[in-house]
C-alpha atoms as a PDB file:
ATOM      1  CA  MET A   1      70.825 141.029  83.813  1.00  0.00           C
ATOM      2  CA  THR A   2      74.060 142.427  85.116  1.00  0.00           C
ATOM      3  CA  ILE A   3      74.689 139.408  87.321  1.00  0.00           C
ATOM      4  CA  GLN A   4      74.007 137.052  84.350  1.00  0.00           C
ATOM      5  CA  GLY A   5      76.538 139.154  82.282  1.00  0.00           C
ATOM      6  CA  VAL A   6      79.129 139.048  85.094  1.00  0.00           C
ATOM      7  CA  GLY A   7      78.551 135.260  85.312  1.00  0.00           C
ATOM      8  CA  MET A   8      79.646 134.850  81.677  1.00  0.00           C
ATOM      9  CA  ALA A   9      83.134 135.977  82.458  1.00  0.00           C
ATOM     10  CA  PRO A  10      84.094 133.166  84.737  1.00  0.00           C
ATOM     11  CA  ALA A  11      82.217 130.727  82.536  1.00  0.00           C
ATOM     12  CA  GLY A  12      84.164 131.799  79.512  1.00  0.00           C
ATOM     13  CA  LEU A  13      87.446 131.588  81.572  1.00  0.00           C
ATOM     14  CA  ALA A  14      86.488 128.048  82.695  1.00  0.00           C
ATOM     15  CA  ALA A  15      85.652 127.049  79.077  1.00  0.00           C
ATOM     16  CA  GLU A  16      89.307 127.920  78.215  1.00  0.00           C
ATOM     17  CA  PHE A  17      90.471 125.030  80.501  1.00  0.00           C
ATOM     18  CA  PHE A  18      87.614 122.595  80.635  1.00  0.00           C
ATOM     19  CA  PRO A  19      85.359 121.208  78.052  1.00  0.00           C
ATOM     20  CA  VAL A  20      82.352 123.295  77.202  1.00  0.00           C
ATOM     21  CA  SER A  21      79.899 120.691  78.121  1.00  0.00           C
ATOM     22  CA  THR A  22      81.406 120.401  81.567  1.00  0.00           C
ATOM     23  CA  VAL A  23      81.213 124.185  82.024  1.00  0.00           C
ATOM     24  CA  VAL A  24      77.619 124.283  80.897  1.00  0.00           C
ATOM     25  CA  ALA A  25      76.716 121.377  83.263  1.00  0.00           C
ATOM     26  CA  ALA A  26      78.394 123.114  86.150  1.00  0.00           C
ATOM     27  CA  ALA A  27      76.646 126.356  85.467  1.00  0.00           C
ATOM     28  CA  GLY A  28      73.292 124.593  85.373  1.00  0.00           C
ATOM     29  CA  SER A  29      74.082 122.772  88.613  1.00  0.00           C
ATOM     30  CA  LEU A  30      75.000 126.032  90.352  1.00  0.00           C
ATOM     31  CA  GLY A  31      71.814 127.683  89.036  1.00  0.00           C
ATOM     32  CA  ALA A  32      69.686 124.817  90.302  1.00  0.00           C
ATOM     33  CA  LEU A  33      71.420 124.936  93.641  1.00  0.00           C
ATOM     34  CA  GLY A  34      70.784 128.660  93.848  1.00  0.00           C
ATOM     35  CA  CYS A  35      67.110 128.085  93.112  1.00  0.00           C
ATOM     36  CA  LEU A  36      66.843 125.462  95.784  1.00  0.00           C
ATOM     37  CA  LEU A  37      68.503 127.768  98.351  1.00  0.00           C
ATOM     38  CA  LEU A  38      65.976 130.495  97.484  1.00  0.00           C
ATOM     39  CA  VAL A  39      63.075 128.104  97.840  1.00  0.00           C
ATOM     40  CA  ALA A  40      64.345 126.949 101.220  1.00  0.00           C
ATOM     41  CA  GLU A  41      64.759 130.494 102.411  1.00  0.00           C
ATOM     42  CA  ALA A  42      61.249 131.499 101.163  1.00  0.00           C
ATOM     43  CA  LYS A  43      59.730 128.495 103.009  1.00  0.00           C
ATOM     44  CA  LYS A  44      61.590 129.412 106.232  1.00  0.00           C
ATOM     45  CA  THR A  45      60.383 133.001 105.966  1.00  0.00           C
ATOM     46  CA  GLU A  46      56.885 131.900 105.188  1.00  0.00           C
ATOM     47  CA  GLY A  47      56.733 129.877 108.379  1.00  0.00           C
ATOM     48  CA  ARG A  48      57.748 132.809 110.489  1.00  0.00           C
ATOM     49  CA  ASP A  49      55.500 135.388 108.798  1.00  0.00           C
ATOM     50  CA  ARG A  50      51.810 134.392 108.870  1.00  0.00           C
ATOM     51  CA  ALA A  51      50.421 137.881 108.324  1.00  0.00           C
ATOM     52  CA  ASP A  52      48.763 136.775 105.058  1.00  0.00           C
ATOM     53  CA  ARG A  53      46.933 133.931 106.828  1.00  0.00           C
ATOM     54  CA  ASP A  54      45.737 136.135 109.668  1.00  0.00           C
ATOM     55  CA  MET A  55      44.263 138.689 107.351  1.00  0.00           C
ATOM     56  CA  THR A  56      42.301 136.176 105.190  1.00  0.00           C
ATOM     57  CA  SER A  57      41.149 133.744 107.886  1.00  0.00           C
ATOM     58  CA  GLY A  58      39.004 136.184 109.719  1.00  0.00           C
END
């Protein structure tokens, strides 16, 4: 929640200089990019750590 609150400060500042619709679209794009990066990292980690498969396959 703190990170979300801190994110509002730059968004508010950006909305002073750019149209609000542009700021909202940019914030959504950054959020989606962050989610994609987290998914990519999780998949990379899953490929290295097969402990869950070893425990259930046997």
